[in-house]
C-alpha cells in the first residue's frame, strides 16, 4: 500500500538531481508523491553556470493551501534548503507534521569534501539541527555530519572510535537513526549506520566506481526512504540503497554527458530485482 510522501527539495530545469531524481524512484516504488520545491535551479551545478530562483514565498503559500485542503503525509523528506528563513520554515513545518504522526527523513544538504556550499551559514546549520531534532532518520554525508556535530573534519578519515564519537555527538543534538555516507573508516570507504531502535552501530564498507554523477545522493535517499516505508530495517534499507546506486552508476559509467546525472527512468527496473 503506497504512502502519502512529501518531498521538500530543489527542482532542476535540466538534470536528474533532487526532486527530478527522487520523484521517479518513489513513484516507481508505489508511493503517492507531493513535492514542495525550495528553489528552481536552471540545471545541475556541474555545468559551471546556473541560475537559482528561491521559492520561499511559494512554499509558505502552498503549505497554507494544503492545510486548508486537509492534506496529510505519512512521511516528509527534506533536502536542499536555500536560506536561513527557509530552514526555519521547514523546521517548524516538520515539527508540526511529526506531531501529526508523519515520519520525518532529512538529508541535510550543506557541503561535501570538508567545505560548505555557497550560502550556507552558521544560522543555516543551527536551523538544520532543528530539522535533525524532529527527524526519525538523517542521511548526511561525512562533511555534513561533522558540521552538524560541530566537530573537526578529518581529511584522512576516522577509525571506529571516531565513528562512535561522531554518532554520539549527533545523538546529543537530537538525532535518532543515522546514516552517514561518504565516510572513510580505517582508510576504507564506508557508510556508518546507527539504529536508534536496536541501539546498534554498523560499518558498511564499499568500493566506489571512479566516476562522478550528480544526484546519486538523492537516488540513495529516495531508495532508502522507500525501503523504510516498506517496513525494512535500517541496515537492510541502507545496503539496498548502496546496491541500487552502484548498479545505476555501473550501467551509466560510459555516458558522454555525466553532468546531467543518471537518466534513471530507463533504469528503474533495478529497483525490482
C-alpha atoms as a PDB file:
ATOM      1  CA  UNK A   1       0.000   0.000   0.000  1.00  0.00           C
ATOM      2  CA  UNK A   2       1.597   3.268  -1.119  1.00  0.00           C
ATOM      3  CA  UNK A   3       2.204   6.066   1.364  1.00  0.00           C
ATOM      4  CA  UNK A   4       1.491   9.803   1.031  1.00  0.00           C
ATOM      5  CA  UNK A   5       5.011  11.237   0.756  1.00  0.00           C
ATOM      6  CA  UNK A   6       6.077  14.896   0.662  1.00  0.00           C
ATOM      7  CA  UNK A   7       9.490  15.785  -0.775  1.00  0.00           C
ATOM      8  CA  UNK A   8      10.959  19.192   0.113  1.00  0.00           C
ATOM      9  CA  UNK A   9      13.944  19.805  -2.191  1.00  0.00           C
ATOM     10  CA  UNK A  10      15.019  21.843  -5.217  1.00  0.00           C
ATOM     11  CA  UNK A  11      13.729  21.247  -8.745  1.00  0.00           C
ATOM     12  CA  UNK A  12      16.223  21.391 -11.636  1.00  0.00           C
ATOM     13  CA  UNK A  13      15.243  22.600 -15.088  1.00  0.00           C
ATOM     14  CA  UNK A  14      17.671  20.052 -16.515  1.00  0.00           C
ATOM     15  CA  UNK A  15      19.362  17.088 -14.903  1.00  0.00           C
ATOM     16  CA  UNK A  16      18.421  14.165 -12.690  1.00  0.00           C
ATOM     17  CA  UNK A  17      19.075  15.573  -9.231  1.00  0.00           C
ATOM     18  CA  UNK A  18      16.957  16.469  -6.196  1.00  0.00           C
ATOM     19  CA  UNK A  19      13.216  16.266  -6.969  1.00  0.00           C
ATOM     20  CA  UNK A  20      13.707  15.068 -10.544  1.00  0.00           C
ATOM     21  CA  UNK A  21      15.699  12.093  -9.198  1.00  0.00           C
ATOM     22  CA  UNK A  22      13.567  11.312  -6.141  1.00  0.00           C
ATOM     23  CA  UNK A  23      10.083  11.542  -7.677  1.00  0.00           C
ATOM     24  CA  UNK A  24      10.592   8.756 -10.289  1.00  0.00           C
ATOM     25  CA  UNK A  25      12.174   6.409  -7.728  1.00  0.00           C
ATOM     26  CA  UNK A  26       9.493   6.771  -5.064  1.00  0.00           C
ATOM     27  CA  UNK A  27       6.670   6.791  -7.630  1.00  0.00           C
ATOM     28  CA  UNK A  28       8.030   3.538  -9.088  1.00  0.00           C
ATOM     29  CA  UNK A  29       8.068   2.100  -5.563  1.00  0.00           C
ATOM     30  CA  UNK A  30       4.322   2.762  -5.402  1.00  0.00           C
ATOM     31  CA  UNK A  31       4.098   5.900  -3.259  1.00  0.00           C
ATOM     32  CA  UNK A  32       1.919   8.975  -3.838  1.00  0.00           C
ATOM     33  CA  UNK A  33       4.230  11.945  -4.177  1.00  0.00           C
ATOM     34  CA  UNK A  34       3.760  15.603  -3.278  1.00  0.00           C
ATOM     35  CA  UNK A  35       6.652  17.983  -3.885  1.00  0.00           C
ATOM     36  CA  UNK A  36       7.478  21.367  -2.420  1.00  0.00           C
ATOM     37  CA  UNK A  37      10.375  22.988  -4.335  1.00  0.00           C
ATOM     38  CA  UNK A  38      12.755  25.054  -2.233  1.00  0.00           C
ATOM     39  CA  UNK A  39      14.215  26.530  -5.425  1.00  0.00           C
ATOM     40  CA  UNK A  40      14.047  26.258  -9.189  1.00  0.00           C
ATOM     41  CA  UNK A  41      17.554  25.616 -10.498  1.00  0.00           C
ATOM     42  CA  UNK A  42      18.288  26.020 -14.208  1.00  0.00           C
ATOM     43  CA  UNK A  43      20.489  22.905 -14.441  1.00  0.00           C
ATOM     44  CA  UNK A  44      22.832  20.799 -12.345  1.00  0.00           C
ATOM     45  CA  UNK A  45      25.637  22.890 -10.871  1.00  0.00           C
ATOM     46  CA  UNK A  46      28.273  20.710 -12.568  1.00  0.00           C
ATOM     47  CA  UNK A  47      27.871  22.704 -15.794  1.00  0.00           C
ATOM     48  CA  UNK A  48      29.540  25.678 -14.086  1.00  0.00           C
ATOM     49  CA  UNK A  49      26.817  28.210 -14.929  1.00  0.00           C
ATOM     50  CA  UNK A  50      23.346  28.155 -13.400  1.00  0.00           C
ATOM     51  CA  UNK A  51      20.509  30.303 -12.132  1.00  0.00           C
ATOM     52  CA  UNK A  52      18.557  29.737  -8.926  1.00  0.00           C
ATOM     53  CA  UNK A  53      15.111  31.120  -8.101  1.00  0.00           C
ATOM     54  CA  UNK A  54      14.312  30.843  -4.399  1.00  0.00           C
ATOM     55  CA  UNK A  55      10.699  29.814  -3.796  1.00  0.00           C
ATOM     56  CA  UNK A  56      10.198  30.531  -0.082  1.00  0.00           C
ATOM     57  CA  UNK A  57       7.019  32.619  -0.523  1.00  0.00           C
ATOM     58  CA  UNK A  58       5.549  29.887  -2.750  1.00  0.00           C
ATOM     59  CA  UNK A  59       6.388  27.318  -0.053  1.00  0.00           C
ATOM     60  CA  UNK A  60       4.610  29.355   2.642  1.00  0.00           C
ATOM     61  CA  UNK A  61       1.517  29.824   0.439  1.00  0.00           C
ATOM     62  CA  UNK A  62       1.438  26.164  -0.633  1.00  0.00           C
ATOM     63  CA  UNK A  63       1.683  24.929   2.966  1.00  0.00           C
ATOM     64  CA  UNK A  64      -1.276  27.218   3.779  1.00  0.00           C
ATOM     65  CA  UNK A  65      -3.353  25.874   0.826  1.00  0.00           C
ATOM     66  CA  UNK A  66      -2.554  22.241   1.678  1.00  0.00           C
ATOM     67  CA  UNK A  67      -3.574  22.853   5.287  1.00  0.00           C
ATOM     68  CA  UNK A  68      -6.919  24.258   4.120  1.00  0.00           C
ATOM     69  CA  UNK A  69      -7.386  21.249   1.826  1.00  0.00           C
ATOM     70  CA  UNK A  70      -6.658  18.883   4.715  1.00  0.00           C
ATOM     71  CA  UNK A  71      -3.706  17.174   3.010  1.00  0.00           C
ATOM     72  CA  UNK A  72      -1.713  14.923   5.327  1.00  0.00           C
ATOM     73  CA  UNK A  73       1.526  12.994   4.862  1.00  0.00           C
ATOM     74  CA  UNK A  74       2.750   9.622   6.072  1.00  0.00           C
ATOM     75  CA  UNK A  75       6.317  10.806   5.502  1.00  0.00           C
ATOM     76  CA  UNK A  76       8.176  14.055   4.823  1.00  0.00           C
ATOM     77  CA  UNK A  77      11.686  14.256   3.341  1.00  0.00           C
ATOM     78  CA  UNK A  78      13.828  17.407   3.394  1.00  0.00           C
ATOM     79  CA  UNK A  79      16.792  18.104   1.120  1.00  0.00           C
ATOM     80  CA  UNK A  80      18.382  21.296  -0.219  1.00  0.00           C
ATOM     81  CA  UNK A  81      17.428  24.388   1.812  1.00  0.00           C
ATOM     82  CA  UNK A  82      18.346  27.720   0.194  1.00  0.00           C
ATOM     83  CA  UNK A  83      18.206  30.260   3.038  1.00  0.00           C
ATOM     84  CA  UNK A  84      18.004  30.714   6.788  1.00  0.00           C
ATOM     85  CA  UNK A  85      14.344  31.762   6.520  1.00  0.00           C
ATOM     86  CA  UNK A  86      13.553  28.648   4.511  1.00  0.00           C
ATOM     87  CA  UNK A  87      15.389  26.423   7.012  1.00  0.00           C
ATOM     88  CA  UNK A  88      13.350  27.933   9.857  1.00  0.00           C
ATOM     89  CA  UNK A  89      10.047  27.459   7.991  1.00  0.00           C
ATOM     90  CA  UNK A  90      10.961  23.864   7.087  1.00  0.00           C
ATOM     91  CA  UNK A  91      11.990  23.031  10.670  1.00  0.00           C
ATOM     92  CA  UNK A  92       8.696  24.381  12.043  1.00  0.00           C
ATOM     93  CA  UNK A  93       6.686  22.562   9.358  1.00  0.00           C
ATOM     94  CA  UNK A  94       8.469  19.255  10.082  1.00  0.00           C
ATOM     95  CA  UNK A  95       7.844  19.690  13.805  1.00  0.00           C
ATOM     96  CA  UNK A  96       4.102  20.144  13.158  1.00  0.00           C
ATOM     97  CA  UNK A  97       3.973  17.162  10.785  1.00  0.00           C
ATOM     98  CA  UNK A  98       5.821  14.996  13.313  1.00  0.00           C
ATOM     99  CA  UNK A  99       3.172  15.872  15.928  1.00  0.00           C
ATOM    100  CA  UNK A 100       0.539  14.772  13.396  1.00  0.00           C
ATOM    101  CA  UNK A 101       2.205  11.371  13.022  1.00  0.00           C
ATOM    102  CA  UNK A 102       4.419  11.860   9.950  1.00  0.00           C
ATOM    103  CA  UNK A 103       7.747  10.065   9.698  1.00  0.00           C
ATOM    104  CA  UNK A 104      10.494  12.635   9.012  1.00  0.00           C
ATOM    105  CA  UNK A 105      13.579  11.991   6.850  1.00  0.00           C
ATOM    106  CA  UNK A 106      16.302  14.645   6.493  1.00  0.00           C
ATOM    107  CA  UNK A 107      19.152  14.822   4.024  1.00  0.00           C
ATOM    108  CA  UNK A 108      20.915  17.921   5.411  1.00  0.00           C
ATOM    109  CA  UNK A 109      22.492  19.080   2.140  1.00  0.00           C
ATOM    110  CA  UNK A 110      25.146  21.616   3.168  1.00  0.00           C
ATOM    111  CA  UNK A 111      28.541  20.643   1.780  1.00  0.00           C
ATOM    112  CA  UNK A 112      30.998  17.967   0.732  1.00  0.00           C
ATOM    113  CA  UNK A 113      34.698  17.123   0.923  1.00  0.00           C
ATOM    114  CA  UNK A 114      35.195  19.239   4.043  1.00  0.00           C
ATOM    115  CA  UNK A 115      33.647  22.509   2.832  1.00  0.00           C
ATOM    116  CA  UNK A 116      30.194  24.103   2.941  1.00  0.00           C
ATOM    117  CA  UNK A 117      28.294  25.047  -0.208  1.00  0.00           C
ATOM    118  CA  UNK A 118      27.958  28.749  -1.066  1.00  0.00           C
ATOM    119  CA  UNK A 119      25.284  30.494   1.003  1.00  0.00           C
ATOM    120  CA  UNK A 120      25.310  28.017   3.902  1.00  0.00           C
ATOM    121  CA  UNK A 121      25.783  29.987   7.136  1.00  0.00           C
ATOM    122  CA  UNK A 122      26.165  29.113  10.812  1.00  0.00           C
ATOM    123  CA  UNK A 123      22.497  30.074  11.250  1.00  0.00           C
ATOM    124  CA  UNK A 124      21.506  27.683   8.442  1.00  0.00           C
ATOM    125  CA  UNK A 125      23.403  24.923  10.262  1.00  0.00           C
ATOM    126  CA  UNK A 126      21.590  25.750  13.514  1.00  0.00           C
ATOM    127  CA  UNK A 127      18.217  25.505  11.742  1.00  0.00           C
ATOM    128  CA  UNK A 128      19.343  22.225  10.145  1.00  0.00           C
ATOM    129  CA  UNK A 129      19.930  20.982  13.678  1.00  0.00           C
ATOM    130  CA  UNK A 130      16.290  21.855  14.450  1.00  0.00           C
ATOM    131  CA  UNK A 131      15.209  19.688  11.492  1.00  0.00           C
ATOM    132  CA  UNK A 132      17.526  16.906  12.752  1.00  0.00           C
ATOM    133  CA  UNK A 133      15.861  17.040  16.199  1.00  0.00           C
ATOM    134  CA  UNK A 134      12.440  16.178  14.769  1.00  0.00           C
ATOM    135  CA  UNK A 135      13.706  13.650  12.196  1.00  0.00           C
ATOM    136  CA  UNK A 136      13.341   9.895  12.535  1.00  0.00           C
ATOM    137  CA  UNK A 137      16.187   9.341  10.035  1.00  0.00           C
ATOM    138  CA  UNK A 138      19.013  11.609   8.893  1.00  0.00           C
ATOM    139  CA  UNK A 139      21.228  10.863   5.885  1.00  0.00           C
ATOM    140  CA  UNK A 140      24.172  13.312   5.928  1.00  0.00           C
ATOM    141  CA  UNK A 141      27.463  12.737   4.168  1.00  0.00           C
ATOM    142  CA  UNK A 142      30.563  12.785   6.388  1.00  0.00           C
ATOM    143  CA  UNK A 143      31.153  16.538   5.836  1.00  0.00           C
ATOM    144  CA  UNK A 144      27.582  17.411   6.786  1.00  0.00           C
ATOM    145  CA  UNK A 145      27.678  15.122   9.818  1.00  0.00           C
ATOM    146  CA  UNK A 146      30.799  16.909  11.073  1.00  0.00           C
ATOM    147  CA  UNK A 147      29.253  20.372  10.661  1.00  0.00           C
ATOM    148  CA  UNK A 148      26.018  19.298  12.352  1.00  0.00           C
ATOM    149  CA  UNK A 149      28.021  17.808  15.236  1.00  0.00           C
ATOM    150  CA  UNK A 150      30.263  20.892  15.475  1.00  0.00           C
ATOM    151  CA  UNK A 151      33.457  18.857  15.236  1.00  0.00           C
ATOM    152  CA  UNK A 152      36.582  18.839  13.073  1.00  0.00           C
ATOM    153  CA  UNK A 153      36.642  17.383   9.562  1.00  0.00           C
ATOM    154  CA  UNK A 154      39.317  14.683   9.311  1.00  0.00           C
ATOM    155  CA  UNK A 155      40.749  14.695   5.783  1.00  0.00           C
ATOM    156  CA  UNK A 156      42.415  11.314   6.283  1.00  0.00           C
ATOM    157  CA  UNK A 157      39.289   9.710   7.692  1.00  0.00           C
ATOM    158  CA  UNK A 158      38.468   8.309  11.116  1.00  0.00           C
ATOM    159  CA  UNK A 159      38.575   4.975  12.917  1.00  0.00           C
ATOM    160  CA  UNK A 160      35.671   3.122  14.549  1.00  0.00           C
ATOM    161  CA  UNK A 161      36.132   5.044  17.800  1.00  0.00           C
ATOM    162  CA  UNK A 162      35.855   8.258  15.774  1.00  0.00           C
ATOM    163  CA  UNK A 163      32.675   6.941  14.138  1.00  0.00           C
ATOM    164  CA  UNK A 164      31.194   6.185  17.567  1.00  0.00           C
ATOM    165  CA  UNK A 165      32.150   9.657  18.813  1.00  0.00           C
ATOM    166  CA  UNK A 166      30.511  11.304  15.781  1.00  0.00           C
ATOM    167  CA  UNK A 167      27.327   9.252  16.260  1.00  0.00           C
ATOM    168  CA  UNK A 168      27.326  10.261  19.926  1.00  0.00           C
ATOM    169  CA  UNK A 169      27.654  13.949  19.065  1.00  0.00           C
ATOM    170  CA  UNK A 170      24.816  13.760  16.526  1.00  0.00           C
ATOM    171  CA  UNK A 171      22.610  11.969  19.048  1.00  0.00           C
ATOM    172  CA  UNK A 172      23.396  14.675  21.608  1.00  0.00           C
ATOM    173  CA  UNK A 173      21.781  17.277  19.320  1.00  0.00           C
ATOM    174  CA  UNK A 174      18.673  15.093  18.989  1.00  0.00           C
ATOM    175  CA  UNK A 175      19.375  12.782  16.027  1.00  0.00           C
ATOM    176  CA  UNK A 176      17.698   9.368  16.155  1.00  0.00           C
ATOM    177  CA  UNK A 177      18.573   6.864  13.423  1.00  0.00           C
ATOM    178  CA  UNK A 178      21.613   7.985  11.408  1.00  0.00           C
ATOM    179  CA  UNK A 179      23.143   7.014   8.053  1.00  0.00           C
ATOM    180  CA  UNK A 180      26.462   8.769   7.267  1.00  0.00           C
ATOM    181  CA  UNK A 181      27.566   8.336   3.654  1.00  0.00           C
ATOM    182  CA  UNK A 182      30.968   9.031   2.048  1.00  0.00           C
ATOM    183  CA  UNK A 183      32.902   8.240   5.216  1.00  0.00           C
ATOM    184  CA  UNK A 184      36.450   6.915   5.373  1.00  0.00           C
ATOM    185  CA  UNK A 185      36.851   4.394   8.196  1.00  0.00           C
ATOM    186  CA  UNK A 186      40.321   2.893   8.738  1.00  0.00           C
ATOM    187  CA  UNK A 187      41.210   4.004   5.180  1.00  0.00           C
ATOM    188  CA  UNK A 188      38.209   2.110   3.736  1.00  0.00           C
ATOM    189  CA  UNK A 189      35.209   3.872   2.170  1.00  0.00           C
ATOM    190  CA  UNK A 190      32.124   3.057   4.200  1.00  0.00           C
ATOM    191  CA  UNK A 191      28.633   4.042   5.250  1.00  0.00           C
ATOM    192  CA  UNK A 192      28.106   4.411   9.008  1.00  0.00           C
ATOM    193  CA  UNK A 193      24.680   3.306  10.250  1.00  0.00           C
ATOM    194  CA  UNK A 194      23.203   3.873  13.702  1.00  0.00           C
ATOM    195  CA  UNK A 195      19.926   2.086  14.502  1.00  0.00           C
ATOM    196  CA  UNK A 196      18.197   4.067  17.270  1.00  0.00           C
ATOM    197  CA  UNK A 197      15.695   1.271  17.924  1.00  0.00           C
ATOM    198  CA  UNK A 198      18.238  -1.508  18.431  1.00  0.00           C
ATOM    199  CA  UNK A 199      20.938   0.893  19.737  1.00  0.00           C
ATOM    200  CA  UNK A 200      23.427  -0.636  17.279  1.00  0.00           C
ATOM    201  CA  UNK A 201      26.178   0.888  15.122  1.00  0.00           C
ATOM    202  CA  UNK A 202      27.199  -0.748  11.843  1.00  0.00           C
ATOM    203  CA  UNK A 203      30.014  -0.021   9.374  1.00  0.00           C
ATOM    204  CA  UNK A 204      29.138  -0.982   5.779  1.00  0.00           C
ATOM    205  CA  UNK A 205      32.264  -0.855   3.557  1.00  0.00           C
ATOM    206  CA  UNK A 206      32.078  -0.255  -0.189  1.00  0.00           C
ATOM    207  CA  UNK A 207      34.367   0.334  -3.145  1.00  0.00           C
ATOM    208  CA  UNK A 208      33.364   3.346  -5.213  1.00  0.00           C
ATOM    209  CA  UNK A 209      33.355   3.370  -9.004  1.00  0.00           C
ATOM    210  CA  UNK A 210      35.768   6.147 -10.128  1.00  0.00           C
ATOM    211  CA  UNK A 211      33.179   8.255 -11.959  1.00  0.00           C
ATOM    212  CA  UNK A 212      31.069  11.153 -10.682  1.00  0.00           C
ATOM    213  CA  UNK A 213      27.375  11.719 -11.345  1.00  0.00           C
ATOM    214  CA  UNK A 214      25.360  14.460  -9.629  1.00  0.00           C
ATOM    215  CA  UNK A 215      22.178  13.166  -7.991  1.00  0.00           C
ATOM    216  CA  UNK A 216      23.438   9.807  -6.711  1.00  0.00           C
ATOM    217  CA  UNK A 217      22.897  11.001  -3.121  1.00  0.00           C
ATOM    218  CA  UNK A 218      19.286  11.849  -3.982  1.00  0.00           C
ATOM    219  CA  UNK A 219      18.762   8.388  -5.503  1.00  0.00           C
ATOM    220  CA  UNK A 220      20.284   6.870  -2.341  1.00  0.00           C
ATOM    221  CA  UNK A 221      17.936   8.924  -0.114  1.00  0.00           C
ATOM    222  CA  UNK A 222      14.855   8.014  -2.168  1.00  0.00           C
ATOM    223  CA  UNK A 223      15.610   4.272  -2.250  1.00  0.00           C
ATOM    224  CA  UNK A 224      16.411   4.344   1.476  1.00  0.00           C
ATOM    225  CA  UNK A 225      13.183   6.155   2.312  1.00  0.00           C
ATOM    226  CA  UNK A 226      11.115   3.836   0.111  1.00  0.00           C
ATOM    227  CA  UNK A 227      12.594   0.762   1.799  1.00  0.00           C
ATOM    228  CA  UNK A 228      11.986   2.104   5.297  1.00  0.00           C
ATOM    229  CA  UNK A 229       8.373   2.893   4.340  1.00  0.00           C
ATOM    230  CA  UNK A 230       8.003  -0.701   3.133  1.00  0.00           C
ATOM    231  CA  UNK A 231       8.908  -1.832   6.647  1.00  0.00           C
ATOM    232  CA  UNK A 232      12.525  -2.861   6.074  1.00  0.00           C
ATOM    233  CA  UNK A 233      15.159  -2.303   8.779  1.00  0.00           C
ATOM    234  CA  UNK A 234      17.723   0.492   8.564  1.00  0.00           C
ATOM    235  CA  UNK A 235      20.717  -1.767   7.729  1.00  0.00           C
ATOM    236  CA  UNK A 236      18.815  -3.667   5.034  1.00  0.00           C
ATOM    237  CA  UNK A 237      17.472  -0.365   3.601  1.00  0.00           C
ATOM    238  CA  UNK A 238      20.982   1.129   3.544  1.00  0.00           C
ATOM    239  CA  UNK A 239      22.501  -1.924   1.824  1.00  0.00           C
ATOM    240  CA  UNK A 240      19.717  -1.901  -0.767  1.00  0.00           C
ATOM    241  CA  UNK A 241      20.323   1.816  -1.447  1.00  0.00           C
ATOM    242  CA  UNK A 242      24.073   1.242  -1.813  1.00  0.00           C
ATOM    243  CA  UNK A 243      23.477  -1.637  -4.231  1.00  0.00           C
ATOM    244  CA  UNK A 244      20.975   0.304  -6.365  1.00  0.00           C
ATOM    245  CA  UNK A 245      23.220   3.373  -6.660  1.00  0.00           C
ATOM    246  CA  UNK A 246      26.239   1.226  -7.529  1.00  0.00           C
ATOM    247  CA  UNK A 247      24.239  -0.679 -10.138  1.00  0.00           C
ATOM    248  CA  UNK A 248      22.945   2.531 -11.746  1.00  0.00           C
ATOM    249  CA  UNK A 249      26.447   4.068 -11.849  1.00  0.00           C
ATOM    250  CA  UNK A 250      27.849   0.847 -13.341  1.00  0.00           C
ATOM    251  CA  UNK A 251      25.219   0.845 -16.100  1.00  0.00           C
ATOM    252  CA  UNK A 252      25.854   4.517 -16.960  1.00  0.00           C
ATOM    253  CA  UNK A 253      29.593   4.945 -16.359  1.00  0.00           C
ATOM    254  CA  UNK A 254      30.343   5.357 -20.074  1.00  0.00           C
ATOM    255  CA  UNK A 255      27.706   8.072 -20.662  1.00  0.00           C
ATOM    256  CA  UNK A 256      29.188  11.055 -22.503  1.00  0.00           C
ATOM    257  CA  UNK A 257      27.398  13.814 -20.548  1.00  0.00           C
ATOM    258  CA  UNK A 258      27.697  12.913 -16.884  1.00  0.00           C
ATOM    259  CA  UNK A 259      26.819  16.452 -15.697  1.00  0.00           C
ATOM    260  CA  UNK A 260      23.101  15.792 -16.219  1.00  0.00           C
ATOM    261  CA  UNK A 261      23.117  12.850 -13.810  1.00  0.00           C
ATOM    262  CA  UNK A 262      21.833   9.342 -14.405  1.00  0.00           C
ATOM    263  CA  UNK A 263      18.844   9.077 -16.804  1.00  0.00           C
ATOM    264  CA  UNK A 264      17.233   6.882 -14.210  1.00  0.00           C
ATOM    265  CA  UNK A 265      13.753   6.433 -15.699  1.00  0.00           C
ATOM    266  CA  UNK A 266      15.378   3.965 -18.104  1.00  0.00           C
ATOM    267  CA  UNK A 267      16.889   2.000 -15.193  1.00  0.00           C
ATOM    268  CA  UNK A 268      14.058   1.889 -12.629  1.00  0.00           C
ATOM    269  CA  UNK A 269      13.791  -1.862 -13.263  1.00  0.00           C
ATOM    270  CA  UNK A 270      16.799  -2.405 -10.985  1.00  0.00           C
ATOM    271  CA  UNK A 271      14.526  -1.430  -8.074  1.00  0.00           C
ATOM    272  CA  UNK A 272      12.511  -4.599  -8.711  1.00  0.00           C
ATOM    273  CA  UNK A 273      15.456  -7.010  -8.827  1.00  0.00           C
END
